[in-house]
Amino acid sequence: MQIPFMAVVALVVIAAVFLVFDRWRRGAFVFGSAALLAALLRAILPSSRVGLLEVRGRFADVVAMSLAGVAILWLATSIDPLGTD
């Protein structure tokens, strides 16, 4: 079963909905959170349970997804909104 993967995909879909409705900051925040959730699930679940979240070795997957998630969250919170939400 791909439950961990589908949980991450659900967050990515929610992020896309925010982006479609011109809520880029919220969408980026949810997308970054999805990457961090993927990293957490990859770190704590055995390889037999992570499904498509397993791309490389556990360490490489966790580091890559964590860095991506933190970078996206940092960008979402640090860029001046300029009157947007």
PDB file of N, CA and C in Angstrom:
ATOM      1  N   MET A   1       0.832  -1.181   0.000  1.00  0.00           N
ATOM      2  CA  MET A   1       0.000   0.000   0.000  1.00  0.00           C
ATOM      3  C   MET A   1       0.880   1.248   0.000  1.00  0.00           C
ATOM      4  N   GLN A   2       0.420   2.253  -0.647  1.00  0.00           N
ATOM      5  CA  GLN A   2       1.177   3.495  -0.814  1.00  0.00           C
ATOM      6  C   GLN A   2       0.628   4.616   0.069  1.00  0.00           C
ATOM      7  N   ILE A   3       0.195   4.313   1.270  1.00  0.00           N
ATOM      8  CA  ILE A   3      -0.423   5.327   2.135  1.00  0.00           C
ATOM      9  C   ILE A   3       0.525   6.488   2.442  1.00  0.00           C
ATOM     10  N   PRO A   4       1.797   6.247   2.812  1.00  0.00           N
ATOM     11  CA  PRO A   4       2.690   7.392   3.061  1.00  0.00           C
ATOM     12  C   PRO A   4       2.854   8.280   1.827  1.00  0.00           C
ATOM     13  N   PHE A   5       3.025   7.655   0.678  1.00  0.00           N
ATOM     14  CA  PHE A   5       3.176   8.407  -0.565  1.00  0.00           C
ATOM     15  C   PHE A   5       1.912   9.204  -0.879  1.00  0.00           C
ATOM     16  N   MET A   6       0.756   8.582  -0.692  1.00  0.00           N
ATOM     17  CA  MET A   6      -0.504   9.265  -0.989  1.00  0.00           C
ATOM     18  C   MET A   6      -0.756  10.433  -0.036  1.00  0.00           C
ATOM     19  N   ALA A   7      -0.287  10.330   1.202  1.00  0.00           N
ATOM     20  CA  ALA A   7      -0.420  11.453   2.140  1.00  0.00           C
ATOM     21  C   ALA A   7       0.379  12.649   1.643  1.00  0.00           C
ATOM     22  N   VAL A   8       1.580  12.386   1.143  1.00  0.00           N
ATOM     23  CA  VAL A   8       2.419  13.463   0.613  1.00  0.00           C
ATOM     24  C   VAL A   8       1.789  14.037  -0.655  1.00  0.00           C
ATOM     25  N   VAL A   9       1.289  13.175  -1.518  1.00  0.00           N
ATOM     26  CA  VAL A   9       0.638  13.634  -2.750  1.00  0.00           C
ATOM     27  C   VAL A   9      -0.590  14.485  -2.421  1.00  0.00           C
ATOM     28  N   ALA A  10      -1.342  14.105  -1.401  1.00  0.00           N
ATOM     29  CA  ALA A  10      -2.514  14.896  -1.009  1.00  0.00           C
ATOM     30  C   ALA A  10      -2.106  16.311  -0.617  1.00  0.00           C
ATOM     31  N   LEU A  11      -1.013  16.451   0.121  1.00  0.00           N
ATOM     32  CA  LEU A  11      -0.539  17.790   0.483  1.00  0.00           C
ATOM     33  C   LEU A  11      -0.081  18.572  -0.743  1.00  0.00           C
ATOM     34  N   VAL A  12       0.554  17.899  -1.678  1.00  0.00           N
ATOM     35  CA  VAL A  12       0.996  18.577  -2.905  1.00  0.00           C
ATOM     36  C   VAL A  12      -0.218  19.058  -3.703  1.00  0.00           C
ATOM     37  N   VAL A  13      -1.270  18.265  -3.749  1.00  0.00           N
ATOM     38  CA  VAL A  13      -2.494  18.676  -4.445  1.00  0.00           C
ATOM     39  C   VAL A  13      -3.120  19.888  -3.751  1.00  0.00           C
ATOM     40  N   ILE A  14      -3.144  19.875  -2.431  1.00  0.00           N
ATOM     41  CA  ILE A  14      -3.663  21.030  -1.684  1.00  0.00           C
ATOM     42  C   ILE A  14      -2.831  22.270  -1.994  1.00  0.00           C
ATOM     43  N   ALA A  15      -1.512  22.106  -2.055  1.00  0.00           N
ATOM     44  CA  ALA A  15      -0.635  23.232  -2.397  1.00  0.00           C
ATOM     45  C   ALA A  15      -0.957  23.753  -3.795  1.00  0.00           C
ATOM     46  N   ALA A  16      -1.198  22.845  -4.733  1.00  0.00           N
ATOM     47  CA  ALA A  16      -1.522  23.259  -6.099  1.00  0.00           C
ATOM     48  C   ALA A  16      -2.835  24.035  -6.144  1.00  0.00           C
ATOM     49  N   VAL A  17      -3.807  23.624  -5.342  1.00  0.00           N
ATOM     50  CA  VAL A  17      -5.086  24.346  -5.288  1.00  0.00           C
ATOM     51  C   VAL A  17      -4.858  25.768  -4.785  1.00  0.00           C
ATOM     52  N   PHE A  18      -4.041  25.920  -3.746  1.00  0.00           N
ATOM     53  CA  PHE A  18      -3.724  27.267  -3.263  1.00  0.00           C
ATOM     54  C   PHE A  18      -3.072  28.097  -4.368  1.00  0.00           C
ATOM     55  N   LEU A  19      -2.160  27.493  -5.114  1.00  0.00           N
ATOM     56  CA  LEU A  19      -1.475  28.225  -6.181  1.00  0.00           C
ATOM     57  C   LEU A  19      -2.441  28.630  -7.290  1.00  0.00           C
ATOM     58  N   VAL A  20      -3.369  27.753  -7.627  1.00  0.00           N
ATOM     59  CA  VAL A  20      -4.351  28.061  -8.667  1.00  0.00           C
ATOM     60  C   VAL A  20      -5.189  29.273  -8.271  1.00  0.00           C
ATOM     61  N   PHE A  21      -5.485  29.383  -6.983  1.00  0.00           N
ATOM     62  CA  PHE A  21      -6.289  30.500  -6.497  1.00  0.00           C
ATOM     63  C   PHE A  21      -5.434  31.669  -6.027  1.00  0.00           C
ATOM     64  N   ASP A  22      -4.223  31.740  -6.549  1.00  0.00           N
ATOM     65  CA  ASP A  22      -3.326  32.879  -6.346  1.00  0.00           C
ATOM     66  C   ASP A  22      -2.927  33.090  -4.885  1.00  0.00           C
ATOM     67  N   ARG A  23      -2.788  32.029  -4.152  1.00  0.00           N
ATOM     68  CA  ARG A  23      -2.309  32.077  -2.767  1.00  0.00           C
ATOM     69  C   ARG A  23      -0.945  31.402  -2.725  1.00  0.00           C
ATOM     70  N   TRP A  24       0.043  32.052  -3.366  1.00  0.00           N
ATOM     71  CA  TRP A  24       1.350  31.426  -3.554  1.00  0.00           C
ATOM     72  C   TRP A  24       2.065  31.175  -2.233  1.00  0.00           C
ATOM     73  N   ARG A  25       1.925  32.071  -1.274  1.00  0.00           N
ATOM     74  CA  ARG A  25       2.633  31.886   0.002  1.00  0.00           C
ATOM     75  C   ARG A  25       2.089  30.669   0.749  1.00  0.00           C
ATOM     76  N   ARG A  26       0.781  30.536   0.809  1.00  0.00           N
ATOM     77  CA  ARG A  26       0.176  29.369   1.464  1.00  0.00           C
ATOM     78  C   ARG A  26       0.508  28.094   0.698  1.00  0.00           C
ATOM     79  N   GLY A  27       0.453  28.161  -0.622  1.00  0.00           N
ATOM     80  CA  GLY A  27       0.793  26.997  -1.434  1.00  0.00           C
ATOM     81  C   GLY A  27       2.228  26.561  -1.231  1.00  0.00           C
ATOM     82  N   ALA A  28       3.138  27.515  -1.204  1.00  0.00           N
ATOM     83  CA  ALA A  28       4.544  27.182  -0.975  1.00  0.00           C
ATOM     84  C   ALA A  28       4.746  26.607   0.418  1.00  0.00           C
ATOM     85  N   PHE A  29       4.035  27.145   1.403  1.00  0.00           N
ATOM     86  CA  PHE A  29       4.152  26.636   2.769  1.00  0.00           C
ATOM     87  C   PHE A  29       3.677  25.182   2.846  1.00  0.00           C
ATOM     88  N   VAL A  30       2.548  24.883   2.216  1.00  0.00           N
ATOM     89  CA  VAL A  30       2.025  23.513   2.228  1.00  0.00           C
ATOM     90  C   VAL A  30       2.955  22.588   1.440  1.00  0.00           C
ATOM     91  N   PHE A  31       3.501  23.067   0.324  1.00  0.00           N
ATOM     92  CA  PHE A  31       4.422  22.253  -0.472  1.00  0.00           C
ATOM     93  C   PHE A  31       5.692  21.937   0.317  1.00  0.00           C
ATOM     94  N   GLY A  32       6.245  22.935   0.997  1.00  0.00           N
ATOM     95  CA  GLY A  32       7.415  22.699   1.839  1.00  0.00           C
ATOM     96  C   GLY A  32       7.104  21.738   2.970  1.00  0.00           C
ATOM     97  N   SER A  33       5.917  21.865   3.529  1.00  0.00           N
ATOM     98  CA  SER A  33       5.494  20.941   4.583  1.00  0.00           C
ATOM     99  C   SER A  33       5.369  19.516   4.049  1.00  0.00           C
ATOM    100  N   ALA A  34       4.913  19.380   2.817  1.00  0.00           N
ATOM    101  CA  ALA A  34       4.820  18.054   2.203  1.00  0.00           C
ATOM    102  C   ALA A  34       6.203  17.427   2.059  1.00  0.00           C
ATOM    103  N   ALA A  35       7.188  18.226   1.673  1.00  0.00           N
ATOM    104  CA  ALA A  35       8.553  17.709   1.554  1.00  0.00           C
ATOM    105  C   ALA A  35       9.091  17.277   2.913  1.00  0.00           C
ATOM    106  N   LEU A  36       8.802  18.057   3.949  1.00  0.00           N
ATOM    107  CA  LEU A  36       9.252  17.680   5.294  1.00  0.00           C
ATOM    108  C   LEU A  36       8.515  16.443   5.803  1.00  0.00           C
ATOM    109  N   LEU A  37       7.235  16.313   5.483  1.00  0.00           N
ATOM    110  CA  LEU A  37       6.501  15.102   5.850  1.00  0.00           C
ATOM    111  C   LEU A  37       7.102  13.889   5.148  1.00  0.00           C
ATOM    112  N   ALA A  38       7.434  14.041   3.873  1.00  0.00           N
ATOM    113  CA  ALA A  38       8.057  12.946   3.136  1.00  0.00           C
ATOM    114  C   ALA A  38       9.379  12.545   3.779  1.00  0.00           C
ATOM    115  N   ALA A  39      10.169  13.529   4.187  1.00  0.00           N
ATOM    116  CA  ALA A  39      11.442  13.235   4.851  1.00  0.00           C
ATOM    117  C   ALA A  39      11.208  12.509   6.170  1.00  0.00           C
ATOM    118  N   LEU A  40      10.234  12.962   6.938  1.00  0.00           N
ATOM    119  CA  LEU A  40       9.938  12.323   8.220  1.00  0.00           C
ATOM    120  C   LEU A  40       9.473  10.882   8.024  1.00  0.00           C
ATOM    121  N   LEU A  41       8.559  10.675   7.085  1.00  0.00           N
ATOM    122  CA  LEU A  41       8.071   9.323   6.822  1.00  0.00           C
ATOM    123  C   LEU A  41       9.192   8.414   6.337  1.00  0.00           C
ATOM    124  N   ARG A  42      10.056   8.947   5.492  1.00  0.00           N
ATOM    125  CA  ARG A  42      11.191   8.149   4.990  1.00  0.00           C
ATOM    126  C   ARG A  42      12.146   7.801   6.121  1.00  0.00           C
ATOM    127  N   ALA A  43      12.290   8.699   7.091  1.00  0.00           N
ATOM    128  CA  ALA A  43      13.217   8.467   8.197  1.00  0.00           C
ATOM    129  C   ALA A  43      12.690   7.436   9.189  1.00  0.00           C
ATOM    130  N   ILE A  44      11.375   7.430   9.436  1.00  0.00           N
ATOM    131  CA  ILE A  44      10.871   6.581  10.516  1.00  0.00           C
ATOM    132  C   ILE A  44      10.259   5.261  10.054  1.00  0.00           C
ATOM    133  N   LEU A  45       9.826   5.181   8.804  1.00  0.00           N
ATOM    134  CA  LEU A  45       9.194   3.947   8.339  1.00  0.00           C
ATOM    135  C   LEU A  45      10.224   2.999   7.728  1.00  0.00           C
ATOM    136  N   PRO A  46      10.000   1.698   7.855  1.00  0.00           N
ATOM    137  CA  PRO A  46      10.904   0.743   7.202  1.00  0.00           C
ATOM    138  C   PRO A  46      10.747   0.807   5.682  1.00  0.00           C
ATOM    139  N   SER A  47      11.764   0.369   4.980  1.00  0.00           N
ATOM    140  CA  SER A  47      11.752   0.438   3.510  1.00  0.00           C
ATOM    141  C   SER A  47      10.567  -0.296   2.900  1.00  0.00           C
ATOM    142  N   SER A  48      10.084  -1.320   3.568  1.00  0.00           N
ATOM    143  CA  SER A  48       8.947  -2.076   3.037  1.00  0.00           C
ATOM    144  C   SER A  48       7.643  -1.283   3.085  1.00  0.00           C
ATOM    145  N   ARG A  49       7.592  -0.196   3.854  1.00  0.00           N
ATOM    146  CA  ARG A  49       6.363   0.579   4.019  1.00  0.00           C
ATOM    147  C   ARG A  49       6.361   1.920   3.297  1.00  0.00           C
ATOM    148  N   VAL A  50       7.528   2.431   2.879  1.00  0.00           N
ATOM    149  CA  VAL A  50       7.562   3.793   2.325  1.00  0.00           C
ATOM    150  C   VAL A  50       7.141   3.866   0.871  1.00  0.00           C
ATOM    151  N   GLY A  51       7.172   2.769   0.171  1.00  0.00           N
ATOM    152  CA  GLY A  51       6.726   2.750  -1.213  1.00  0.00           C
ATOM    153  C   GLY A  51       7.532   3.673  -2.110  1.00  0.00           C
ATOM    154  N   LEU A  52       6.843   4.537  -2.842  1.00  0.00           N
ATOM    155  CA  LEU A  52       7.492   5.396  -3.825  1.00  0.00           C
ATOM    156  C   LEU A  52       8.285   6.548  -3.218  1.00  0.00           C
ATOM    157  N   LEU A  53       8.255   6.704  -1.895  1.00  0.00           N
ATOM    158  CA  LEU A  53       9.105   7.714  -1.259  1.00  0.00           C
ATOM    159  C   LEU A  53      10.562   7.259  -1.220  1.00  0.00           C
ATOM    160  N   GLU A  54      10.793   5.982  -1.459  1.00  0.00           N
ATOM    161  CA  GLU A  54      12.155   5.448  -1.472  1.00  0.00           C
ATOM    162  C   GLU A  54      12.744   5.624  -2.872  1.00  0.00           C
ATOM    163  N   VAL A  55      13.715   6.514  -2.978  1.00  0.00           N
ATOM    164  CA  VAL A  55      14.342   6.776  -4.272  1.00  0.00           C
ATOM    165  C   VAL A  55      15.794   6.331  -4.250  1.00  0.00           C
ATOM    166  N   ARG A  56      16.510   6.763  -3.232  1.00  0.00           N
ATOM    167  CA  ARG A  56      17.920   6.411  -3.059  1.00  0.00           C
ATOM    168  C   ARG A  56      18.042   5.695  -1.726  1.00  0.00           C
ATOM    169  N   GLY A  57      19.177   5.840  -1.103  1.00  0.00           N
ATOM    170  CA  GLY A  57      19.330   5.322   0.249  1.00  0.00           C
ATOM    171  C   GLY A  57      18.555   6.186   1.230  1.00  0.00           C
ATOM    172  N   ARG A  58      18.284   5.632   2.401  1.00  0.00           N
ATOM    173  CA  ARG A  58      17.500   6.361   3.408  1.00  0.00           C
ATOM    174  C   ARG A  58      18.133   7.713   3.739  1.00  0.00           C
ATOM    175  N   PHE A  59      19.432   7.726   3.998  1.00  0.00           N
ATOM    176  CA  PHE A  59      20.107   8.970   4.382  1.00  0.00           C
ATOM    177  C   PHE A  59      19.987  10.025   3.282  1.00  0.00           C
ATOM    178  N   ALA A  60      20.253   9.641   2.046  1.00  0.00           N
ATOM    179  CA  ALA A  60      20.192  10.596   0.931  1.00  0.00           C
ATOM    180  C   ALA A  60      18.773  11.125   0.738  1.00  0.00           C
ATOM    181  N   ASP A  61      17.785  10.249   0.840  1.00  0.00           N
ATOM    182  CA  ASP A  61      16.392  10.680   0.689  1.00  0.00           C
ATOM    183  C   ASP A  61      15.992  11.673   1.771  1.00  0.00           C
ATOM    184  N   VAL A  62      16.332  11.354   3.017  1.00  0.00           N
ATOM    185  CA  VAL A  62      15.945  12.220   4.134  1.00  0.00           C
ATOM    186  C   VAL A  62      16.638  13.576   4.026  1.00  0.00           C
ATOM    187  N   VAL A  63      17.925  13.571   3.710  1.00  0.00           N
ATOM    188  CA  VAL A  63      18.660  14.837   3.596  1.00  0.00           C
ATOM    189  C   VAL A  63      18.111  15.679   2.444  1.00  0.00           C
ATOM    190  N   ALA A  64      17.907  15.070   1.285  1.00  0.00           N
ATOM    191  CA  ALA A  64      17.432  15.819   0.117  1.00  0.00           C
ATOM    192  C   ALA A  64      16.044  16.415   0.356  1.00  0.00           C
ATOM    193  N   MET A  65      15.126  15.603   0.883  1.00  0.00           N
ATOM    194  CA  MET A  65      13.768  16.109   1.105  1.00  0.00           C
ATOM    195  C   MET A  65      13.724  17.135   2.234  1.00  0.00           C
ATOM    196  N   SER A  66      14.552  16.943   3.251  1.00  0.00           N
ATOM    197  CA  SER A  66      14.602  17.920   4.351  1.00  0.00           C
ATOM    198  C   SER A  66      15.136  19.258   3.870  1.00  0.00           C
ATOM    199  N   LEU A  67      16.216  19.222   3.103  1.00  0.00           N
ATOM    200  CA  LEU A  67      16.783  20.469   2.580  1.00  0.00           C
ATOM    201  C   LEU A  67      15.793  21.183   1.662  1.00  0.00           C
ATOM    202  N   ALA A  68      15.133  20.425   0.802  1.00  0.00           N
ATOM    203  CA  ALA A  68      14.144  21.030  -0.096  1.00  0.00           C
ATOM    204  C   ALA A  68      12.991  21.640   0.700  1.00  0.00           C
ATOM    205  N   GLY A  69      12.483  20.914   1.681  1.00  0.00           N
ATOM    206  CA  GLY A  69      11.379  21.416   2.491  1.00  0.00           C
ATOM    207  C   GLY A  69      11.737  22.667   3.265  1.00  0.00           C
ATOM    208  N   VAL A  70      12.913  22.661   3.892  1.00  0.00           N
ATOM    209  CA  VAL A  70      13.349  23.830   4.659  1.00  0.00           C
ATOM    210  C   VAL A  70      13.568  25.023   3.733  1.00  0.00           C
ATOM    211  N   ALA A  71      14.167  24.791   2.570  1.00  0.00           N
ATOM    212  CA  ALA A  71      14.407  25.888   1.628  1.00  0.00           C
ATOM    213  C   ALA A  71      13.092  26.498   1.144  1.00  0.00           C
ATOM    214  N   ILE A  72      12.120  25.665   0.827  1.00  0.00           N
ATOM    215  CA  ILE A  72      10.826  26.165   0.355  1.00  0.00           C
ATOM    216  C   ILE A  72      10.113  26.932   1.464  1.00  0.00           C
ATOM    217  N   LEU A  73      10.133  26.394   2.678  1.00  0.00           N
ATOM    218  CA  LEU A  73       9.504  27.100   3.801  1.00  0.00           C
ATOM    219  C   LEU A  73      10.201  28.425   4.075  1.00  0.00           C
ATOM    220  N   TRP A  74      11.518  28.434   3.988  1.00  0.00           N
ATOM    221  CA  TRP A  74      12.261  29.679   4.207  1.00  0.00           C
ATOM    222  C   TRP A  74      11.888  30.720   3.149  1.00  0.00           C
ATOM    223  N   LEU A  75      11.830  30.294   1.892  1.00  0.00           N
ATOM    224  CA  LEU A  75      11.439  31.227   0.830  1.00  0.00           C
ATOM    225  C   LEU A  75      10.013  31.734   1.025  1.00  0.00           C
ATOM    226  N   ALA A  76       9.113  30.844   1.398  1.00  0.00           N
ATOM    227  CA  ALA A  76       7.710  31.236   1.572  1.00  0.00           C
ATOM    228  C   ALA A  76       7.541  32.252   2.694  1.00  0.00           C
ATOM    229  N   THR A  77       8.372  32.158   3.708  1.00  0.00           N
ATOM    230  CA  THR A  77       8.212  33.069   4.844  1.00  0.00           C
ATOM    231  C   THR A  77       9.095  34.305   4.752  1.00  0.00           C
ATOM    232  N   SER A  78      10.127  34.278   3.926  1.00  0.00           N
ATOM    233  CA  SER A  78      11.069  35.399   3.921  1.00  0.00           C
ATOM    234  C   SER A  78      10.850  36.406   2.795  1.00  0.00           C
ATOM    235  N   ILE A  79      10.179  36.026   1.737  1.00  0.00           N
ATOM    236  CA  ILE A  79       9.962  36.947   0.621  1.00  0.00           C
ATOM    237  C   ILE A  79       8.889  37.963   1.004  1.00  0.00           C
ATOM    238  N   ASP A  80       9.172  39.226   0.734  1.00  0.00           N
ATOM    239  CA  ASP A  80       8.228  40.301   1.040  1.00  0.00           C
ATOM    240  C   ASP A  80       6.940  40.083   0.250  1.00  0.00           C
ATOM    241  N   PRO A  81       5.797  40.115   0.908  1.00  0.00           N
ATOM    242  CA  PRO A  81       4.545  39.811   0.223  1.00  0.00           C
ATOM    243  C   PRO A  81       4.131  40.830  -0.830  1.00  0.00           C
ATOM    244  N   LEU A  82       4.561  42.080  -0.725  1.00  0.00           N
ATOM    245  CA  LEU A  82       4.214  43.117  -1.704  1.00  0.00           C
ATOM    246  C   LEU A  82       2.715  43.201  -1.951  1.00  0.00           C
ATOM    247  N   GLY A  83       1.947  43.102  -0.894  1.00  0.00           N
ATOM    248  CA  GLY A  83       0.505  43.231  -1.026  1.00  0.00           C
ATOM    249  C   GLY A  83      -0.206  41.963  -1.417  1.00  0.00           C
ATOM    250  N   THR A  84       0.518  40.864  -1.570  1.00  0.00           N
ATOM    251  CA  THR A  84      -0.138  39.595  -1.884  1.00  0.00           C
ATOM    252  C   THR A  84      -0.231  38.770  -0.624  1.00  0.00           C
ATOM    253  N   ASP A  85      -0.992  37.698  -0.715  1.00  0.00           N
ATOM    254  CA  ASP A  85      -1.175  36.819   0.442  1.00  0.00           C
ATOM    255  C   ASP A  85      -0.366  35.568   0.278  1.00  0.00           C
TER     256      ASP A  85
END
